[in-house]
Amino acid sequence: MSNKIEDQRHLARAIELSREHMDEGAGGPFGAVVVREGKVLAEGWNQVTSANDPTAHAEVTAIRRACEAVSDFSLEGATLYTSCEPCPMCLASAYWARVARIVYANTRQDAAEIGFDDSLIYDEIPKPVSERLIPMDHQPSLEARAVFDAWADKPDKITY
């Protein structure tokens, strides 16, 4: 169950991070905080332009730092607070990390209005592979399949 006062406090911190690091020139106006059981696990902010990394969005950065802090790839039970509705990559990252909940301030429409428009990606994902803007060529490989088979049979694998 969410606590509105805690939600407001952590969301305010995500917004503060977005402004602080935007003003410093780290990247776009985005900040994020990962919290579990009332404890802040990590904070992140957009570092796309400062790190020359298109994946260094605030949410991804916060998720990476939180996973490192807890020494686990799962953030089960955690809440991701973010200054803006997550883009498709950040949303996928939250699912992969098993985040329990996301609380956000600005919408993706608000982001689009200032030049951060993710509609192309949202539109591309449901298309058949053959109809996407980035050409994708499926080239089956027996060796690639053998690696997958080896993974399926690997007794000491850590599943995720």
C-alpha atoms as a PDB file:
ATOM      1  CA  MET A   1       0.000   0.000   0.000  1.00  0.00           C
ATOM      2  CA  SER A   2       1.312   3.422  -0.903  1.00  0.00           C
ATOM      3  CA  ASN A   3       1.811   6.264   1.511  1.00  0.00           C
ATOM      4  CA  LYS A   4       0.936   9.582  -0.164  1.00  0.00           C
ATOM      5  CA  ILE A   5       3.338  11.621   1.984  1.00  0.00           C
ATOM      6  CA  GLU A   6       6.236   9.252   1.226  1.00  0.00           C
ATOM      7  CA  ASP A   7       5.280   9.248  -2.451  1.00  0.00           C
ATOM      8  CA  GLN A   8       5.312  13.056  -2.530  1.00  0.00           C
ATOM      9  CA  ARG A   9       8.673  13.219  -0.738  1.00  0.00           C
ATOM     10  CA  HIS A  10      10.431  10.743  -3.040  1.00  0.00           C
ATOM     11  CA  LEU A  11       8.843  12.192  -6.163  1.00  0.00           C
ATOM     12  CA  ALA A  12       9.971  15.665  -5.064  1.00  0.00           C
ATOM     13  CA  ARG A  13      13.520  14.304  -4.774  1.00  0.00           C
ATOM     14  CA  ALA A  14      13.351  12.855  -8.296  1.00  0.00           C
ATOM     15  CA  ILE A  15      12.198  16.253  -9.561  1.00  0.00           C
ATOM     16  CA  GLU A  16      14.976  17.989  -7.611  1.00  0.00           C
ATOM     17  CA  LEU A  17      17.534  15.661  -9.219  1.00  0.00           C
ATOM     18  CA  SER A  18      16.101  16.436 -12.656  1.00  0.00           C
ATOM     19  CA  ARG A  19      16.551  20.176 -12.202  1.00  0.00           C
ATOM     20  CA  GLU A  20      19.915  20.009 -10.439  1.00  0.00           C
ATOM     21  CA  HIS A  21      21.600  17.815 -13.033  1.00  0.00           C
ATOM     22  CA  MET A  22      19.901  19.518 -15.980  1.00  0.00           C
ATOM     23  CA  ASP A  23      21.251  22.841 -14.706  1.00  0.00           C
ATOM     24  CA  GLU A  24      24.735  21.285 -14.374  1.00  0.00           C
ATOM     25  CA  GLY A  25      24.568  20.117 -17.982  1.00  0.00           C
ATOM     26  CA  ALA A  26      24.523  16.380 -17.257  1.00  0.00           C
ATOM     27  CA  GLY A  27      21.654  15.763 -19.669  1.00  0.00           C
ATOM     28  CA  GLY A  28      17.929  16.170 -20.102  1.00  0.00           C
ATOM     29  CA  PRO A  29      15.491  17.197 -17.358  1.00  0.00           C
ATOM     30  CA  PHE A  30      14.910  13.780 -15.813  1.00  0.00           C
ATOM     31  CA  GLY A  31      15.529  12.352 -12.341  1.00  0.00           C
ATOM     32  CA  ALA A  32      14.654   9.097 -10.593  1.00  0.00           C
ATOM     33  CA  VAL A  33      14.794   7.474  -7.171  1.00  0.00           C
ATOM     34  CA  VAL A  34      14.422   3.785  -6.278  1.00  0.00           C
ATOM     35  CA  VAL A  35      12.943   3.081  -2.834  1.00  0.00           C
ATOM     36  CA  ARG A  36      12.197  -0.198  -1.073  1.00  0.00           C
ATOM     37  CA  GLU A  37      10.657  -0.567   2.358  1.00  0.00           C
ATOM     38  CA  GLY A  38      11.086   3.152   2.988  1.00  0.00           C
ATOM     39  CA  LYS A  39      14.804   3.105   2.199  1.00  0.00           C
ATOM     40  CA  VAL A  40      16.299   4.954  -0.765  1.00  0.00           C
ATOM     41  CA  LEU A  41      18.355   2.377  -2.655  1.00  0.00           C
ATOM     42  CA  ALA A  42      19.644   4.718  -5.346  1.00  0.00           C
ATOM     43  CA  GLU A  43      19.163   7.925  -7.265  1.00  0.00           C
ATOM     44  CA  GLY A  44      19.721   8.617 -10.935  1.00  0.00           C
ATOM     45  CA  TRP A  45      19.513  11.414 -13.442  1.00  0.00           C
ATOM     46  CA  ASN A  46      19.776  11.717 -17.172  1.00  0.00           C
ATOM     47  CA  GLN A  47      23.400  11.477 -18.325  1.00  0.00           C
ATOM     48  CA  VAL A  48      22.867  10.855 -22.027  1.00  0.00           C
ATOM     49  CA  THR A  49      24.907  13.825 -23.231  1.00  0.00           C
ATOM     50  CA  SER A  50      27.494  13.953 -20.428  1.00  0.00           C
ATOM     51  CA  ALA A  51      28.298  10.230 -20.659  1.00  0.00           C
ATOM     52  CA  ASN A  52      27.697   9.962 -24.420  1.00  0.00           C
ATOM     53  CA  ASP A  53      25.430   7.035 -23.586  1.00  0.00           C
ATOM     54  CA  PRO A  54      21.941   6.909 -25.128  1.00  0.00           C
ATOM     55  CA  THR A  55      20.889   4.383 -22.459  1.00  0.00           C
ATOM     56  CA  ALA A  56      21.896   6.617 -19.523  1.00  0.00           C
ATOM     57  CA  HIS A  57      18.356   7.747 -18.793  1.00  0.00           C
ATOM     58  CA  ALA A  58      17.511   8.672 -15.203  1.00  0.00           C
ATOM     59  CA  GLU A  59      15.479   5.533 -14.549  1.00  0.00           C
ATOM     60  CA  VAL A  60      18.039   3.160 -16.049  1.00  0.00           C
ATOM     61  CA  THR A  61      20.828   4.860 -14.104  1.00  0.00           C
ATOM     62  CA  ALA A  62      18.843   4.613 -10.856  1.00  0.00           C
ATOM     63  CA  ILE A  63      17.931   0.969 -11.514  1.00  0.00           C
ATOM     64  CA  ARG A  64      21.563   0.064 -12.243  1.00  0.00           C
ATOM     65  CA  ARG A  65      22.742   1.792  -9.070  1.00  0.00           C
ATOM     66  CA  ALA A  66      19.983   0.228  -6.958  1.00  0.00           C
ATOM     67  CA  CYS A  67      20.791  -3.276  -8.206  1.00  0.00           C
ATOM     68  CA  GLU A  68      24.452  -2.688  -7.439  1.00  0.00           C
ATOM     69  CA  ALA A  69      23.572  -1.390  -3.963  1.00  0.00           C
ATOM     70  CA  VAL A  70      21.578  -4.510  -3.087  1.00  0.00           C
ATOM     71  CA  SER A  71      23.833  -6.921  -5.010  1.00  0.00           C
ATOM     72  CA  ASP A  72      20.874  -8.344  -6.890  1.00  0.00           C
ATOM     73  CA  PHE A  73      19.363  -7.959 -10.357  1.00  0.00           C
ATOM     74  CA  SER A  74      15.892  -7.968  -8.820  1.00  0.00           C
ATOM     75  CA  LEU A  75      14.309  -4.914  -7.225  1.00  0.00           C
ATOM     76  CA  GLU A  76      11.206  -6.821  -6.223  1.00  0.00           C
ATOM     77  CA  GLY A  77       9.029  -4.746  -3.905  1.00  0.00           C
ATOM     78  CA  ALA A  78      10.696  -1.458  -4.892  1.00  0.00           C
ATOM     79  CA  THR A  79       9.053   1.709  -6.144  1.00  0.00           C
ATOM     80  CA  LEU A  80      10.575   3.761  -8.931  1.00  0.00           C
ATOM     81  CA  TYR A  81       9.903   7.474  -8.539  1.00  0.00           C
ATOM     82  CA  THR A  82      10.592   9.460 -11.668  1.00  0.00           C
ATOM     83  CA  SER A  83      10.119  13.022 -12.804  1.00  0.00           C
ATOM     84  CA  CYS A  84       8.542  11.809 -16.046  1.00  0.00           C
ATOM     85  CA  GLU A  85       6.593   8.822 -17.320  1.00  0.00           C
ATOM     86  CA  PRO A  86       9.233   6.278 -18.359  1.00  0.00           C
ATOM     87  CA  CYS A  87      10.121   5.914 -22.022  1.00  0.00           C
ATOM     88  CA  PRO A  88       9.825   2.416 -23.546  1.00  0.00           C
ATOM     89  CA  MET A  89      13.441   1.536 -22.634  1.00  0.00           C
ATOM     90  CA  CYS A  90      13.058   2.684 -19.034  1.00  0.00           C
ATOM     91  CA  LEU A  91       9.704   0.960 -18.685  1.00  0.00           C
ATOM     92  CA  ALA A  92      11.205  -2.280 -20.005  1.00  0.00           C
ATOM     93  CA  SER A  93      14.097  -1.886 -17.556  1.00  0.00           C
ATOM     94  CA  ALA A  94      11.631  -1.503 -14.684  1.00  0.00           C
ATOM     95  CA  TYR A  95       9.871  -4.702 -15.753  1.00  0.00           C
ATOM     96  CA  TRP A  96      13.186  -6.574 -16.066  1.00  0.00           C
ATOM     97  CA  ALA A  97      14.177  -5.356 -12.602  1.00  0.00           C
ATOM     98  CA  ARG A  98      10.795  -6.479 -11.224  1.00  0.00           C
ATOM     99  CA  VAL A  99       9.968  -3.022  -9.871  1.00  0.00           C
ATOM    100  CA  ALA A 100       6.654  -3.255  -8.041  1.00  0.00           C
ATOM    101  CA  ARG A 101       5.379   0.234  -8.754  1.00  0.00           C
ATOM    102  CA  ILE A 102       6.177   3.426 -10.657  1.00  0.00           C
ATOM    103  CA  VAL A 103       5.226   6.927  -9.543  1.00  0.00           C
ATOM    104  CA  TYR A 104       5.820   9.724 -12.050  1.00  0.00           C
ATOM    105  CA  ALA A 105       5.185  13.456 -12.455  1.00  0.00           C
ATOM    106  CA  ASN A 106       5.274  14.633 -16.087  1.00  0.00           C
ATOM    107  CA  THR A 107       3.599  12.545 -18.797  1.00  0.00           C
ATOM    108  CA  ARG A 108       5.131  11.310 -22.031  1.00  0.00           C
ATOM    109  CA  GLN A 109       2.969  13.911 -23.811  1.00  0.00           C
ATOM    110  CA  ASP A 110       4.564  16.628 -21.646  1.00  0.00           C
ATOM    111  CA  ALA A 111       7.998  15.277 -22.629  1.00  0.00           C
ATOM    112  CA  ALA A 112       7.070  15.260 -26.310  1.00  0.00           C
ATOM    113  CA  GLU A 113       6.120  18.933 -26.090  1.00  0.00           C
ATOM    114  CA  ILE A 114       9.713  19.827 -25.099  1.00  0.00           C
ATOM    115  CA  GLY A 115      11.406  17.609 -27.677  1.00  0.00           C
ATOM    116  CA  PHE A 116      11.530  14.183 -25.991  1.00  0.00           C
ATOM    117  CA  ASP A 117       9.008  12.352 -28.159  1.00  0.00           C
ATOM    118  CA  ASP A 118       8.963   8.573 -27.761  1.00  0.00           C
ATOM    119  CA  SER A 119       5.919   7.997 -29.981  1.00  0.00           C
ATOM    120  CA  LEU A 120       8.059   6.580 -32.802  1.00  0.00           C
ATOM    121  CA  ILE A 121       9.307   3.816 -30.491  1.00  0.00           C
ATOM    122  CA  TYR A 122       5.848   3.110 -29.071  1.00  0.00           C
ATOM    123  CA  ASP A 123       4.558   2.891 -32.665  1.00  0.00           C
ATOM    124  CA  GLU A 124       7.422   0.657 -33.859  1.00  0.00           C
ATOM    125  CA  ILE A 125       7.270  -2.015 -31.136  1.00  0.00           C
ATOM    126  CA  PRO A 126       3.948  -3.635 -32.134  1.00  0.00           C
ATOM    127  CA  LYS A 127       4.815  -3.681 -35.853  1.00  0.00           C
ATOM    128  CA  PRO A 128       5.874  -6.911 -37.510  1.00  0.00           C
ATOM    129  CA  VAL A 129       9.683  -7.076 -37.712  1.00  0.00           C
ATOM    130  CA  SER A 130       9.546  -6.725 -41.496  1.00  0.00           C
ATOM    131  CA  GLU A 131       7.700  -3.388 -41.226  1.00  0.00           C
ATOM    132  CA  ARG A 132       9.987  -1.597 -38.757  1.00  0.00           C
ATOM    133  CA  LEU A 133      12.077   1.404 -39.788  1.00  0.00           C
ATOM    134  CA  ILE A 134      15.319  -0.276 -38.751  1.00  0.00           C
ATOM    135  CA  PRO A 135      15.819  -3.250 -41.070  1.00  0.00           C
ATOM    136  CA  MET A 136      16.151  -6.525 -39.222  1.00  0.00           C
ATOM    137  CA  ASP A 137      17.444  -9.635 -40.969  1.00  0.00           C
ATOM    138  CA  HIS A 138      16.824 -12.981 -39.290  1.00  0.00           C
ATOM    139  CA  GLN A 139      19.732 -15.313 -40.013  1.00  0.00           C
ATOM    140  CA  PRO A 140      19.223 -18.581 -38.133  1.00  0.00           C
ATOM    141  CA  SER A 141      22.391 -20.207 -36.826  1.00  0.00           C
ATOM    142  CA  LEU A 142      22.869 -23.746 -35.571  1.00  0.00           C
ATOM    143  CA  GLU A 143      25.671 -22.524 -33.287  1.00  0.00           C
ATOM    144  CA  ALA A 144      23.463 -19.804 -31.786  1.00  0.00           C
ATOM    145  CA  ARG A 145      20.755 -22.429 -31.195  1.00  0.00           C
ATOM    146  CA  ALA A 146      23.353 -24.729 -29.592  1.00  0.00           C
ATOM    147  CA  VAL A 147      24.256 -21.968 -27.127  1.00  0.00           C
ATOM    148  CA  PHE A 148      20.575 -21.612 -26.184  1.00  0.00           C
ATOM    149  CA  ASP A 149      20.265 -25.387 -25.791  1.00  0.00           C
ATOM    150  CA  ALA A 150      23.356 -25.387 -23.554  1.00  0.00           C
ATOM    151  CA  TRP A 151      21.761 -22.655 -21.428  1.00  0.00           C
ATOM    152  CA  ALA A 152      18.544 -24.650 -21.131  1.00  0.00           C
ATOM    153  CA  ASP A 153      20.564 -27.658 -19.908  1.00  0.00           C
ATOM    154  CA  LYS A 154      22.988 -25.687 -17.680  1.00  0.00           C
ATOM    155  CA  PRO A 155      22.473 -27.010 -14.121  1.00  0.00           C
ATOM    156  CA  ASP A 156      24.074 -24.061 -12.322  1.00  0.00           C
ATOM    157  CA  LYS A 157      22.388 -21.201 -14.220  1.00  0.00           C
ATOM    158  CA  ILE A 158      20.868 -18.292 -12.358  1.00  0.00           C
ATOM    159  CA  THR A 159      17.490 -17.774 -13.929  1.00  0.00           C
ATOM    160  CA  TYR A 160      15.985 -14.379 -14.311  1.00  0.00           C
END
